[in-house]
PDB file of N, CA and C in Angstrom:
ATOM      1  N   MET A   1       0.841  -1.179   0.000  1.00  0.00           N
ATOM      2  CA  MET A   1       0.000   0.000   0.000  1.00  0.00           C
ATOM      3  C   MET A   1       0.890   1.248   0.000  1.00  0.00           C
ATOM      4  N   VAL A   2       0.443   2.242  -0.703  1.00  0.00           N
ATOM      5  CA  VAL A   2       1.135   3.527  -0.697  1.00  0.00           C
ATOM      6  C   VAL A   2       0.596   4.323   0.486  1.00  0.00           C
ATOM      7  N   GLN A   3       1.464   4.671   1.425  1.00  0.00           N
ATOM      8  CA  GLN A   3       1.021   5.275   2.680  1.00  0.00           C
ATOM      9  C   GLN A   3       0.304   6.604   2.494  1.00  0.00           C
ATOM     10  N   ARG A   4       0.771   7.443   1.598  1.00  0.00           N
ATOM     11  CA  ARG A   4       0.120   8.753   1.439  1.00  0.00           C
ATOM     12  C   ARG A   4      -1.077   8.693   0.484  1.00  0.00           C
ATOM     13  N   SER A   5      -1.331   7.533  -0.077  1.00  0.00           N
ATOM     14  CA  SER A   5      -2.474   7.314  -0.955  1.00  0.00           C
ATOM     15  C   SER A   5      -3.030   5.918  -0.672  1.00  0.00           C
ATOM     16  N   PRO A   6      -3.752   5.746   0.439  1.00  0.00           N
ATOM     17  CA  PRO A   6      -4.155   4.401   0.878  1.00  0.00           C
ATOM     18  C   PRO A   6      -5.064   3.642  -0.082  1.00  0.00           C
ATOM     19  N   ASN A   7      -5.629   4.301  -1.073  1.00  0.00           N
ATOM     20  CA  ASN A   7      -6.418   3.577  -2.079  1.00  0.00           C
ATOM     21  C   ASN A   7      -5.544   2.929  -3.144  1.00  0.00           C
ATOM     22  N   THR A   8      -4.233   3.210  -3.126  1.00  0.00           N
ATOM     23  CA  THR A   8      -3.309   2.580  -4.063  1.00  0.00           C
ATOM     24  C   THR A   8      -2.702   1.361  -3.392  1.00  0.00           C
ATOM     25  N   ILE A   9      -3.046   0.202  -3.950  1.00  0.00           N
ATOM     26  CA  ILE A   9      -2.654  -1.083  -3.374  1.00  0.00           C
ATOM     27  C   ILE A   9      -1.969  -1.916  -4.455  1.00  0.00           C
ATOM     28  N   TYR A  10      -0.903  -2.611  -4.076  1.00  0.00           N
ATOM     29  CA  TYR A  10      -0.225  -3.551  -4.968  1.00  0.00           C
ATOM     30  C   TYR A  10      -0.346  -4.944  -4.377  1.00  0.00           C
ATOM     31  N   ILE A  11      -0.608  -5.924  -5.219  1.00  0.00           N
ATOM     32  CA  ILE A  11      -0.581  -7.320  -4.770  1.00  0.00           C
ATOM     33  C   ILE A  11       0.211  -8.132  -5.785  1.00  0.00           C
ATOM     34  N   GLY A  12       0.874  -9.136  -5.286  1.00  0.00           N
ATOM     35  CA  GLY A  12       1.577 -10.072  -6.142  1.00  0.00           C
ATOM     36  C   GLY A  12       1.011 -11.451  -5.918  1.00  0.00           C
ATOM     37  N   SER A  13       0.929 -12.207  -6.978  1.00  0.00           N
ATOM     38  CA  SER A  13       0.359 -13.541  -6.911  1.00  0.00           C
ATOM     39  C   SER A  13       1.447 -14.581  -7.140  1.00  0.00           C
ATOM     40  N   ALA A  14       1.313 -15.702  -6.465  1.00  0.00           N
ATOM     41  CA  ALA A  14       2.290 -16.776  -6.618  1.00  0.00           C
ATOM     42  C   ALA A  14       2.358 -17.275  -8.058  1.00  0.00           C
ATOM     43  N   SER A  15       1.270 -17.151  -8.788  1.00  0.00           N
ATOM     44  CA  SER A  15       1.285 -17.614 -10.178  1.00  0.00           C
ATOM     45  C   SER A  15       0.561 -16.670 -11.128  1.00  0.00           C
ATOM     46  N   GLY A  16       0.303 -15.433 -10.691  1.00  0.00           N
ATOM     47  CA  GLY A  16      -0.501 -14.555 -11.533  1.00  0.00           C
ATOM     48  C   GLY A  16      -0.026 -13.137 -11.690  1.00  0.00           C
ATOM     49  N   GLY A  17       1.223 -12.834 -11.402  1.00  0.00           N
ATOM     50  CA  GLY A  17       1.758 -11.515 -11.689  1.00  0.00           C
ATOM     51  C   GLY A  17       1.575 -10.478 -10.605  1.00  0.00           C
ATOM     52  N   LEU A  18       1.801  -9.232 -10.986  1.00  0.00           N
ATOM     53  CA  LEU A  18       1.715  -8.070 -10.099  1.00  0.00           C
ATOM     54  C   LEU A  18       0.539  -7.216 -10.546  1.00  0.00           C
ATOM     55  N   TRP A  19      -0.256  -6.773  -9.581  1.00  0.00           N
ATOM     56  CA  TRP A  19      -1.465  -6.003  -9.856  1.00  0.00           C
ATOM     57  C   TRP A  19      -1.486  -4.736  -9.012  1.00  0.00           C
ATOM     58  N   ARG A  20      -2.127  -3.679  -9.555  1.00  0.00           N
ATOM     59  CA  ARG A  20      -2.283  -2.421  -8.818  1.00  0.00           C
ATOM     60  C   ARG A  20      -3.747  -1.994  -8.874  1.00  0.00           C
ATOM     61  N   SER A  21      -4.209  -1.495  -7.739  1.00  0.00           N
ATOM     62  CA  SER A  21      -5.519  -0.860  -7.663  1.00  0.00           C
ATOM     63  C   SER A  21      -5.316   0.552  -7.145  1.00  0.00           C
ATOM     64  N   THR A  22      -5.954   1.519  -7.782  1.00  0.00           N
ATOM     65  CA  THR A  22      -5.949   2.893  -7.284  1.00  0.00           C
ATOM     66  C   THR A  22      -7.329   3.264  -6.746  1.00  0.00           C
ATOM     67  N   SER A  23      -8.191   2.243  -6.633  1.00  0.00           N
ATOM     68  CA  SER A  23      -9.563   2.454  -6.167  1.00  0.00           C
ATOM     69  C   SER A  23      -9.846   1.682  -4.888  1.00  0.00           C
ATOM     70  N   GLY A  24      -8.804   1.403  -4.124  1.00  0.00           N
ATOM     71  CA  GLY A  24      -8.998   0.681  -2.877  1.00  0.00           C
ATOM     72  C   GLY A  24      -9.394  -0.774  -3.062  1.00  0.00           C
ATOM     73  N   GLY A  25      -9.115  -1.341  -4.221  1.00  0.00           N
ATOM     74  CA  GLY A  25      -9.390  -2.746  -4.468  1.00  0.00           C
ATOM     75  C   GLY A  25     -10.611  -3.025  -5.323  1.00  0.00           C
ATOM     76  N   ILE A  26     -11.277  -1.980  -5.793  1.00  0.00           N
ATOM     77  CA  ILE A  26     -12.468  -2.185  -6.628  1.00  0.00           C
ATOM     78  C   ILE A  26     -12.072  -2.603  -8.039  1.00  0.00           C
ATOM     79  N   LYS A  27     -11.117  -1.911  -8.642  1.00  0.00           N
ATOM     80  CA  LYS A  27     -10.622  -2.239  -9.977  1.00  0.00           C
ATOM     81  C   LYS A  27      -9.120  -2.500  -9.889  1.00  0.00           C
ATOM     82  N   TRP A  28      -8.650  -3.435 -10.733  1.00  0.00           N
ATOM     83  CA  TRP A  28      -7.236  -3.819 -10.730  1.00  0.00           C
ATOM     84  C   TRP A  28      -6.677  -3.765 -12.142  1.00  0.00           C
ATOM     85  N   GLU A  29      -5.374  -3.457 -12.243  1.00  0.00           N
ATOM     86  CA  GLU A  29      -4.688  -3.482 -13.530  1.00  0.00           C
ATOM     87  C   GLU A  29      -3.396  -4.287 -13.396  1.00  0.00           C
ATOM     88  N   PRO A  30      -3.083  -5.113 -14.400  1.00  0.00           N
ATOM     89  CA  PRO A  30      -1.833  -5.879 -14.357  1.00  0.00           C
ATOM     90  C   PRO A  30      -0.645  -4.988 -14.691  1.00  0.00           C
ATOM     91  N   LEU A  31       0.474  -5.219 -13.998  1.00  0.00           N
ATOM     92  CA  LEU A  31       1.676  -4.409 -14.226  1.00  0.00           C
ATOM     93  C   LEU A  31       2.884  -5.218 -14.673  1.00  0.00           C
ATOM     94  N   PHE A  32       2.783  -6.524 -14.715  1.00  0.00           N
ATOM     95  CA  PHE A  32       3.976  -7.349 -14.904  1.00  0.00           C
ATOM     96  C   PHE A  32       3.818  -8.345 -16.054  1.00  0.00           C
ATOM     97  N   ASP A  33       2.816  -8.161 -16.893  1.00  0.00           N
ATOM     98  CA  ASP A  33       2.494  -9.134 -17.931  1.00  0.00           C
ATOM     99  C   ASP A  33       3.592  -9.318 -18.974  1.00  0.00           C
ATOM    100  N   GLU A  34       4.421  -8.324 -19.192  1.00  0.00           N
ATOM    101  CA  GLU A  34       5.438  -8.410 -20.240  1.00  0.00           C
ATOM    102  C   GLU A  34       6.763  -9.009 -19.754  1.00  0.00           C
ATOM    103  N   GLN A  35       6.835  -9.413 -18.491  1.00  0.00           N
ATOM    104  CA  GLN A  35       8.084  -9.941 -17.950  1.00  0.00           C
ATOM    105  C   GLN A  35       8.180 -11.448 -18.186  1.00  0.00           C
ATOM    106  N   ALA A  36       9.366 -11.992 -17.977  1.00  0.00           N
ATOM    107  CA  ALA A  36       9.643 -13.403 -18.272  1.00  0.00           C
ATOM    108  C   ALA A  36       9.013 -14.362 -17.272  1.00  0.00           C
ATOM    109  N   VAL A  37       8.593 -13.879 -16.118  1.00  0.00           N
ATOM    110  CA  VAL A  37       7.992 -14.727 -15.090  1.00  0.00           C
ATOM    111  C   VAL A  37       6.704 -14.083 -14.581  1.00  0.00           C
ATOM    112  N   ALA A  38       5.848 -14.899 -13.989  1.00  0.00           N
ATOM    113  CA  ALA A  38       4.593 -14.388 -13.432  1.00  0.00           C
ATOM    114  C   ALA A  38       4.536 -14.532 -11.922  1.00  0.00           C
ATOM    115  N   SER A  39       5.391 -15.352 -11.359  1.00  0.00           N
ATOM    116  CA  SER A  39       5.340 -15.636  -9.931  1.00  0.00           C
ATOM    117  C   SER A  39       5.983 -14.505  -9.123  1.00  0.00           C
ATOM    118  N   ILE A  40       5.216 -13.934  -8.200  1.00  0.00           N
ATOM    119  CA  ILE A  40       5.686 -12.827  -7.373  1.00  0.00           C
ATOM    120  C   ILE A  40       5.798 -13.305  -5.927  1.00  0.00           C
ATOM    121  N   GLY A  41       6.967 -13.076  -5.333  1.00  0.00           N
ATOM    122  CA  GLY A  41       7.192 -13.472  -3.943  1.00  0.00           C
ATOM    123  C   GLY A  41       7.159 -12.303  -2.985  1.00  0.00           C
ATOM    124  N   ALA A  42       7.532 -11.101  -3.446  1.00  0.00           N
ATOM    125  CA  ALA A  42       7.603  -9.946  -2.552  1.00  0.00           C
ATOM    126  C   ALA A  42       7.554  -8.651  -3.350  1.00  0.00           C
ATOM    127  N   ILE A  43       7.004  -7.625  -2.702  1.00  0.00           N
ATOM    128  CA  ILE A  43       6.923  -6.282  -3.287  1.00  0.00           C
ATOM    129  C   ILE A  43       7.394  -5.297  -2.230  1.00  0.00           C
ATOM    130  N   SER A  44       8.174  -4.300  -2.639  1.00  0.00           N
ATOM    131  CA  SER A  44       8.562  -3.241  -1.726  1.00  0.00           C
ATOM    132  C   SER A  44       8.460  -1.902  -2.444  1.00  0.00           C
ATOM    133  N   ILE A  45       7.746  -0.981  -1.837  1.00  0.00           N
ATOM    134  CA  ILE A  45       7.505   0.348  -2.405  1.00  0.00           C
ATOM    135  C   ILE A  45       8.348   1.362  -1.643  1.00  0.00           C
ATOM    136  N   TYR A  46       9.051   2.204  -2.379  1.00  0.00           N
ATOM    137  CA  TYR A  46       9.786   3.293  -1.748  1.00  0.00           C
ATOM    138  C   TYR A  46       8.776   4.398  -1.453  1.00  0.00           C
ATOM    139  N   GLN A  47       8.416   4.566  -0.209  1.00  0.00           N
ATOM    140  CA  GLN A  47       7.300   5.431   0.176  1.00  0.00           C
ATOM    141  C   GLN A  47       7.544   6.912  -0.117  1.00  0.00           C
ATOM    142  N   LYS A  48       8.788   7.359  -0.158  1.00  0.00           N
ATOM    143  CA  LYS A  48       9.058   8.776  -0.463  1.00  0.00           C
ATOM    144  C   LYS A  48       8.839   9.087  -1.936  1.00  0.00           C
ATOM    145  N   ASN A  49       8.892   8.066  -2.773  1.00  0.00           N
ATOM    146  CA  ASN A  49       8.570   8.180  -4.199  1.00  0.00           C
ATOM    147  C   ASN A  49       7.943   6.852  -4.613  1.00  0.00           C
ATOM    148  N   PRO A  50       6.626   6.703  -4.466  1.00  0.00           N
ATOM    149  CA  PRO A  50       5.975   5.417  -4.706  1.00  0.00           C
ATOM    150  C   PRO A  50       6.032   4.919  -6.142  1.00  0.00           C
ATOM    151  N   SER A  51       6.626   5.691  -7.047  1.00  0.00           N
ATOM    152  CA  SER A  51       6.846   5.199  -8.405  1.00  0.00           C
ATOM    153  C   SER A  51       7.993   4.202  -8.454  1.00  0.00           C
ATOM    154  N   ILE A  52       8.809   4.168  -7.393  1.00  0.00           N
ATOM    155  CA  ILE A  52       9.928   3.227  -7.309  1.00  0.00           C
ATOM    156  C   ILE A  52       9.446   1.996  -6.547  1.00  0.00           C
ATOM    157  N   ILE A  53       9.442   0.880  -7.254  1.00  0.00           N
ATOM    158  CA  ILE A  53       8.942  -0.376  -6.679  1.00  0.00           C
ATOM    159  C   ILE A  53       9.927  -1.490  -7.031  1.00  0.00           C
ATOM    160  N   TYR A  54      10.208  -2.331  -6.055  1.00  0.00           N
ATOM    161  CA  TYR A  54      11.019  -3.522  -6.265  1.00  0.00           C
ATOM    162  C   TYR A  54      10.123  -4.745  -6.156  1.00  0.00           C
ATOM    163  N   VAL A  55      10.366  -5.713  -7.037  1.00  0.00           N
ATOM    164  CA  VAL A  55       9.602  -6.948  -7.025  1.00  0.00           C
ATOM    165  C   VAL A  55      10.576  -8.120  -7.010  1.00  0.00           C
ATOM    166  N   GLY A  56      10.430  -8.973  -6.011  1.00  0.00           N
ATOM    167  CA  GLY A  56      11.174 -10.226  -5.957  1.00  0.00           C
ATOM    168  C   GLY A  56      10.290 -11.324  -6.517  1.00  0.00           C
ATOM    169  N   THR A  57      10.810 -12.085  -7.455  1.00  0.00           N
ATOM    170  CA  THR A  57       9.986 -13.102  -8.098  1.00  0.00           C
ATOM    171  C   THR A  57      10.183 -14.464  -7.452  1.00  0.00           C
ATOM    172  N   GLY A  58       9.215 -15.324  -7.684  1.00  0.00           N
ATOM    173  CA  GLY A  58       9.249 -16.681  -7.154  1.00  0.00           C
ATOM    174  C   GLY A  58       8.467 -16.788  -5.869  1.00  0.00           C
ATOM    175  N   GLU A  59       7.599 -17.745  -5.838  1.00  0.00           N
ATOM    176  CA  GLU A  59       6.750 -17.969  -4.666  1.00  0.00           C
ATOM    177  C   GLU A  59       7.612 -18.297  -3.459  1.00  0.00           C
ATOM    178  N   GLY A  60       7.390 -17.605  -2.365  1.00  0.00           N
ATOM    179  CA  GLY A  60       8.239 -17.753  -1.191  1.00  0.00           C
ATOM    180  C   GLY A  60       7.821 -18.823  -0.207  1.00  0.00           C
ATOM    181  N   ASN A  61       6.715 -19.479  -0.438  1.00  0.00           N
ATOM    182  CA  ASN A  61       6.234 -20.518   0.479  1.00  0.00           C
ATOM    183  C   ASN A  61       6.321 -21.878  -0.203  1.00  0.00           C
ATOM    184  N   PRO A  62       7.404 -22.628   0.044  1.00  0.00           N
ATOM    185  CA  PRO A  62       7.593 -23.885  -0.674  1.00  0.00           C
ATOM    186  C   PRO A  62       6.472 -24.881  -0.394  1.00  0.00           C
ATOM    187  N   ARG A  63       6.091 -25.554  -1.458  1.00  0.00           N
ATOM    188  CA  ARG A  63       5.103 -26.618  -1.371  1.00  0.00           C
ATOM    189  C   ARG A  63       5.307 -27.512  -2.587  1.00  0.00           C
ATOM    190  N   ASN A  64       4.470 -28.505  -2.772  1.00  0.00           N
ATOM    191  CA  ASN A  64       4.722 -29.471  -3.838  1.00  0.00           C
ATOM    192  C   ASN A  64       4.531 -28.911  -5.244  1.00  0.00           C
ATOM    193  N   SER A  65       3.882 -27.772  -5.397  1.00  0.00           N
ATOM    194  CA  SER A  65       3.700 -27.194  -6.737  1.00  0.00           C
ATOM    195  C   SER A  65       4.150 -25.736  -6.781  1.00  0.00           C
ATOM    196  N   GLN A  66       5.267 -25.474  -6.176  1.00  0.00           N
ATOM    197  CA  GLN A  66       5.797 -24.124  -6.060  1.00  0.00           C
ATOM    198  C   GLN A  66       6.152 -23.528  -7.421  1.00  0.00           C
ATOM    199  N   ASN A  67       5.834 -22.241  -7.604  1.00  0.00           N
ATOM    200  CA  ASN A  67       6.189 -21.512  -8.823  1.00  0.00           C
ATOM    201  C   ASN A  67       7.487 -20.745  -8.593  1.00  0.00           C
ATOM    202  N   SER A  68       8.404 -20.853  -9.530  1.00  0.00           N
ATOM    203  CA  SER A  68       9.707 -20.213  -9.399  1.00  0.00           C
ATOM    204  C   SER A  68       9.759 -18.896 -10.154  1.00  0.00           C
ATOM    205  N   GLY A  69      10.694 -18.047  -9.741  1.00  0.00           N
ATOM    206  CA  GLY A  69      10.948 -16.790 -10.420  1.00  0.00           C
ATOM    207  C   GLY A  69      12.338 -16.792 -11.014  1.00  0.00           C
ATOM    208  N   ASN A  70      12.839 -15.601 -11.317  1.00  0.00           N
ATOM    209  CA  ASN A  70      14.188 -15.507 -11.882  1.00  0.00           C
ATOM    210  C   ASN A  70      14.977 -14.320 -11.332  1.00  0.00           C
ATOM    211  N   GLY A  71      14.605 -13.834 -10.148  1.00  0.00           N
ATOM    212  CA  GLY A  71      15.371 -12.757  -9.541  1.00  0.00           C
ATOM    213  C   GLY A  71      14.537 -11.543  -9.193  1.00  0.00           C
ATOM    214  N   MET A  72      15.170 -10.372  -9.256  1.00  0.00           N
ATOM    215  CA  MET A  72      14.572  -9.126  -8.792  1.00  0.00           C
ATOM    216  C   MET A  72      14.389  -8.151  -9.956  1.00  0.00           C
ATOM    217  N   TYR A  73      13.300  -7.361  -9.856  1.00  0.00           N
ATOM    218  CA  TYR A  73      12.999  -6.335 -10.842  1.00  0.00           C
ATOM    219  C   TYR A  73      12.744  -5.012 -10.132  1.00  0.00           C
ATOM    220  N   LYS A  74      12.953  -3.918 -10.871  1.00  0.00           N
ATOM    221  CA  LYS A  74      12.731  -2.581 -10.328  1.00  0.00           C
ATOM    222  C   LYS A  74      12.030  -1.726 -11.375  1.00  0.00           C
ATOM    223  N   THR A  75      11.094  -0.905 -10.929  1.00  0.00           N
ATOM    224  CA  THR A  75      10.496   0.108 -11.786  1.00  0.00           C
ATOM    225  C   THR A  75      10.678   1.459 -11.116  1.00  0.00           C
ATOM    226  N   GLU A  76      10.880   2.473 -11.924  1.00  0.00           N
ATOM    227  CA  GLU A  76      10.966   3.845 -11.419  1.00  0.00           C
ATOM    228  C   GLU A  76       9.831   4.697 -11.957  1.00  0.00           C
ATOM    229  N   ASP A  77       8.905   4.061 -12.679  1.00  0.00           N
ATOM    230  CA  ASP A  77       7.782   4.798 -13.261  1.00  0.00           C
ATOM    231  C   ASP A  77       6.437   4.146 -12.922  1.00  0.00           C
ATOM    232  N   GLY A  78       6.362   3.569 -11.745  1.00  0.00           N
ATOM    233  CA  GLY A  78       5.102   3.012 -11.267  1.00  0.00           C
ATOM    234  C   GLY A  78       4.645   1.750 -11.961  1.00  0.00           C
ATOM    235  N   GLY A  79       5.535   1.066 -12.655  1.00  0.00           N
ATOM    236  CA  GLY A  79       5.195  -0.205 -13.273  1.00  0.00           C
ATOM    237  C   GLY A  79       5.020  -0.171 -14.775  1.00  0.00           C
ATOM    238  N   ARG A  80       5.228   0.982 -15.393  1.00  0.00           N
ATOM    239  CA  ARG A  80       5.121   1.031 -16.862  1.00  0.00           C
ATOM    240  C   ARG A  80       6.273   0.276 -17.513  1.00  0.00           C
ATOM    241  N   THR A  81       7.486   0.436 -16.969  1.00  0.00           N
ATOM    242  CA  THR A  81       8.656  -0.286 -17.479  1.00  0.00           C
ATOM    243  C   THR A  81       9.377  -0.924 -16.298  1.00  0.00           C
ATOM    244  N   TRP A  82      10.059  -2.028 -16.578  1.00  0.00           N
ATOM    245  CA  TRP A  82      10.760  -2.790 -15.539  1.00  0.00           C
ATOM    246  C   TRP A  82      12.201  -3.035 -15.954  1.00  0.00           C
ATOM    247  N   GLN A  83      13.083  -3.006 -14.965  1.00  0.00           N
ATOM    248  CA  GLN A  83      14.493  -3.309 -15.169  1.00  0.00           C
ATOM    249  C   GLN A  83      14.808  -4.571 -14.389  1.00  0.00           C
ATOM    250  N   TYR A  84      15.365  -5.563 -15.064  1.00  0.00           N
ATOM    251  CA  TYR A  84      15.818  -6.775 -14.383  1.00  0.00           C
ATOM    252  C   TYR A  84      17.123  -6.457 -13.673  1.00  0.00           C
ATOM    253  N   LEU A  85      17.227  -6.777 -12.403  1.00  0.00           N
ATOM    254  CA  LEU A  85      18.431  -6.489 -11.622  1.00  0.00           C
ATOM    255  C   LEU A  85      19.294  -7.737 -11.564  1.00  0.00           C
ATOM    256  N   ALA A  86      20.436  -7.669 -12.202  1.00  0.00           N
ATOM    257  CA  ALA A  86      21.369  -8.791 -12.217  1.00  0.00           C
ATOM    258  C   ALA A  86      22.051  -8.903 -10.855  1.00  0.00           C
ATOM    259  N   GLY A  87      22.783  -9.963 -10.679  1.00  0.00           N
ATOM    260  CA  GLY A  87      23.558 -10.113  -9.457  1.00  0.00           C
ATOM    261  C   GLY A  87      23.093 -11.251  -8.574  1.00  0.00           C
ATOM    262  N   PHE A  88      21.960 -11.838  -8.890  1.00  0.00           N
ATOM    263  CA  PHE A  88      21.487 -12.975  -8.117  1.00  0.00           C
ATOM    264  C   PHE A  88      21.944 -14.258  -8.806  1.00  0.00           C
ATOM    265  N   PRO A  89      22.376 -15.254  -8.027  1.00  0.00           N
ATOM    266  CA  PRO A  89      22.762 -16.518  -8.660  1.00  0.00           C
ATOM    267  C   PRO A  89      21.534 -17.214  -9.268  1.00  0.00           C
ATOM    268  N   ALA A  90      21.791 -18.155 -10.154  1.00  0.00           N
ATOM    269  CA  ALA A  90      20.705 -18.865 -10.831  1.00  0.00           C
ATOM    270  C   ALA A  90      19.769 -19.562  -9.845  1.00  0.00           C
ATOM    271  N   SER A  91      20.266 -19.902  -8.676  1.00  0.00           N
ATOM    272  CA  SER A  91      19.429 -20.594  -7.690  1.00  0.00           C
ATOM    273  C   SER A  91      18.500 -19.650  -6.925  1.00  0.00           C
ATOM    274  N   SER A  92      18.509 -18.356  -7.241  1.00  0.00           N
ATOM    275  CA  SER A  92      17.649 -17.375  -6.548  1.00  0.00           C
ATOM    276  C   SER A  92      16.263 -17.347  -7.164  1.00  0.00           C
ATOM    277  N   ARG A  93      15.589 -18.466  -7.116  1.00  0.00           N
ATOM    278  CA  ARG A  93      14.292 -18.572  -7.775  1.00  0.00           C
ATOM    279  C   ARG A  93      13.119 -18.239  -6.856  1.00  0.00           C
ATOM    280  N   GLN A  94      13.371 -18.071  -5.565  1.00  0.00           N
ATOM    281  CA  GLN A  94      12.318 -17.711  -4.631  1.00  0.00           C
ATOM    282  C   GLN A  94      12.798 -16.547  -3.759  1.00  0.00           C
ATOM    283  N   ILE A  95      12.215 -15.368  -3.968  1.00  0.00           N
ATOM    284  CA  ILE A  95      12.535 -14.194  -3.148  1.00  0.00           C
ATOM    285  C   ILE A  95      11.306 -13.924  -2.297  1.00  0.00           C
ATOM    286  N   HIS A  96      11.445 -14.181  -1.020  1.00  0.00           N
ATOM    287  CA  HIS A  96      10.304 -14.165  -0.106  1.00  0.00           C
ATOM    288  C   HIS A  96      10.067 -12.808   0.554  1.00  0.00           C
ATOM    289  N   ARG A  97      11.107 -11.996   0.684  1.00  0.00           N
ATOM    290  CA  ARG A  97      10.961 -10.679   1.302  1.00  0.00           C
ATOM    291  C   ARG A  97      11.871  -9.683   0.602  1.00  0.00           C
ATOM    292  N   VAL A  98      11.382  -8.445   0.454  1.00  0.00           N
ATOM    293  CA  VAL A  98      12.171  -7.344  -0.098  1.00  0.00           C
ATOM    294  C   VAL A  98      11.881  -6.105   0.742  1.00  0.00           C
ATOM    295  N   PHE A  99      12.933  -5.443   1.173  1.00  0.00           N
ATOM    296  CA  PHE A  99      12.801  -4.206   1.940  1.00  0.00           C
ATOM    297  C   PHE A  99      13.662  -3.132   1.303  1.00  0.00           C
ATOM    298  N   VAL A 100      13.054  -2.004   0.940  1.00  0.00           N
ATOM    299  CA  VAL A 100      13.807  -0.876   0.418  1.00  0.00           C
ATOM    300  C   VAL A 100      14.096   0.065   1.590  1.00  0.00           C
ATOM    301  N   HIS A 101      15.314   0.560   1.646  1.00  0.00           N
ATOM    302  CA  HIS A 101      15.721   1.459   2.732  1.00  0.00           C
ATOM    303  C   HIS A 101      14.806   2.679   2.723  1.00  0.00           C
ATOM    304  N   PRO A 102      14.328   3.140   3.878  1.00  0.00           N
ATOM    305  CA  PRO A 102      13.372   4.245   3.908  1.00  0.00           C
ATOM    306  C   PRO A 102      13.930   5.590   3.440  1.00  0.00           C
ATOM    307  N   ASP A 103      15.253   5.739   3.401  1.00  0.00           N
ATOM    308  CA  ASP A 103      15.851   7.003   2.993  1.00  0.00           C
ATOM    309  C   ASP A 103      16.688   6.917   1.716  1.00  0.00           C
ATOM    310  N   ASN A 104      16.924   5.708   1.215  1.00  0.00           N
ATOM    311  CA  ASN A 104      17.763   5.542   0.029  1.00  0.00           C
ATOM    312  C   ASN A 104      17.206   4.407  -0.825  1.00  0.00           C
ATOM    313  N   PRO A 105      16.543   4.727  -1.938  1.00  0.00           N
ATOM    314  CA  PRO A 105      15.931   3.681  -2.742  1.00  0.00           C
ATOM    315  C   PRO A 105      16.921   2.791  -3.487  1.00  0.00           C
ATOM    316  N   ASP A 106      18.209   3.117  -3.411  1.00  0.00           N
ATOM    317  CA  ASP A 106      19.217   2.276  -4.034  1.00  0.00           C
ATOM    318  C   ASP A 106      19.757   1.206  -3.087  1.00  0.00           C
ATOM    319  N   VAL A 107      19.288   1.217  -1.838  1.00  0.00           N
ATOM    320  CA  VAL A 107      19.684   0.202  -0.860  1.00  0.00           C
ATOM    321  C   VAL A 107      18.472  -0.690  -0.616  1.00  0.00           C
ATOM    322  N   VAL A 108      18.624  -1.957  -0.981  1.00  0.00           N
ATOM    323  CA  VAL A 108      17.514  -2.901  -0.891  1.00  0.00           C
ATOM    324  C   VAL A 108      18.017  -4.186  -0.257  1.00  0.00           C
ATOM    325  N   TYR A 109      17.225  -4.739   0.630  1.00  0.00           N
ATOM    326  CA  TYR A 109      17.533  -6.004   1.274  1.00  0.00           C
ATOM    327  C   TYR A 109      16.541  -7.045   0.772  1.00  0.00           C
ATOM    328  N   ALA A 110      17.058  -8.228   0.424  1.00  0.00           N
ATOM    329  CA  ALA A 110      16.197  -9.283  -0.098  1.00  0.00           C
ATOM    330  C   ALA A 110      16.418 -10.568   0.678  1.00  0.00           C
ATOM    331  N   GLY A 111      15.319 -11.205   1.040  1.00  0.00           N
ATOM    332  CA  GLY A 111      15.359 -12.532   1.647  1.00  0.00           C
ATOM    333  C   GLY A 111      15.199 -13.555   0.536  1.00  0.00           C
ATOM    334  N   VAL A 112      16.314 -14.191   0.179  1.00  0.00           N
ATOM    335  CA  VAL A 112      16.323 -15.110  -0.955  1.00  0.00           C
ATOM    336  C   VAL A 112      16.420 -16.534  -0.443  1.00  0.00           C
ATOM    337  N   GLN A 113      15.432 -17.314  -0.777  1.00  0.00           N
ATOM    338  CA  GLN A 113      15.383 -18.698  -0.332  1.00  0.00           C
ATOM    339  C   GLN A 113      16.275 -19.600  -1.163  1.00  0.00           C
ATOM    340  N   GLY A 114      16.398 -19.332  -2.436  1.00  0.00           N
ATOM    341  CA  GLY A 114      17.106 -20.233  -3.332  1.00  0.00           C
ATOM    342  C   GLY A 114      16.152 -21.289  -3.845  1.00  0.00           C
ATOM    343  N   SER A 115      16.673 -22.316  -4.432  1.00  0.00           N
ATOM    344  CA  SER A 115      15.836 -23.377  -4.978  1.00  0.00           C
ATOM    345  C   SER A 115      15.271 -24.231  -3.853  1.00  0.00           C
ATOM    346  N   ALA A 116      13.995 -24.514  -3.913  1.00  0.00           N
ATOM    347  CA  ALA A 116      13.339 -25.301  -2.861  1.00  0.00           C
ATOM    348  C   ALA A 116      13.792 -26.750  -2.858  1.00  0.00           C
ATOM    349  N   TRP A 117      14.194 -27.280  -4.012  1.00  0.00           N
ATOM    350  CA  TRP A 117      14.545 -28.700  -4.092  1.00  0.00           C
ATOM    351  C   TRP A 117      15.945 -28.923  -4.633  1.00  0.00           C
ATOM    352  N   GLY A 118      16.807 -27.964  -4.502  1.00  0.00           N
ATOM    353  CA  GLY A 118      18.160 -28.088  -5.040  1.00  0.00           C
ATOM    354  C   GLY A 118      18.209 -27.518  -6.450  1.00  0.00           C
ATOM    355  N   ASP A 119      19.403 -27.347  -6.955  1.00  0.00           N
ATOM    356  CA  ASP A 119      19.588 -26.751  -8.270  1.00  0.00           C
ATOM    357  C   ASP A 119      19.710 -27.835  -9.317  1.00  0.00           C
ATOM    358  N   HIS A 120      18.581 -28.229  -9.897  1.00  0.00           N
ATOM    359  CA  HIS A 120      18.564 -29.309 -10.886  1.00  0.00           C
ATOM    360  C   HIS A 120      18.197 -28.728 -12.245  1.00  0.00           C
ATOM    361  N   PRO A 121      19.145 -28.662 -13.183  1.00  0.00           N
ATOM    362  CA  PRO A 121      18.870 -28.048 -14.495  1.00  0.00           C
ATOM    363  C   PRO A 121      17.753 -28.747 -15.258  1.00  0.00           C
ATOM    364  N   GLU A 122      17.512 -30.034 -14.986  1.00  0.00           N
ATOM    365  CA  GLU A 122      16.479 -30.739 -15.726  1.00  0.00           C
ATOM    366  C   GLU A 122      15.069 -30.387 -15.280  1.00  0.00           C
ATOM    367  N   ARG A 123      14.905 -29.628 -14.237  1.00  0.00           N
ATOM    368  CA  ARG A 123      13.572 -29.251 -13.775  1.00  0.00           C
ATOM    369  C   ARG A 123      13.123 -27.986 -14.431  1.00  0.00           C
TER     370      ARG A 123
END
């Protein structure tokens, strides 16, 4: 949720992408349809400029049909365009938590689970 605009809500789905509502949840729009993955594990909004959003991909709650991601993404224009952030190893398929520093949007902490069942290229 955007603190200074409580009707603006973001949700991520384990298998259905990233969505935004500016109507308090009445209407929703997809923001992540053009990316290589649909599984969202975490979202973090920089509250001083809510156009800056970080998204960690991959379902963070392991189970027998877990959906994987491929790392972290960032937008600086409220979700119109996305930048893939390199630097995560190939096993970073589940990002369960993302925290953006409250005073510096270039400092981000991510809770990365890695592969739930080991790193098997045949999967």
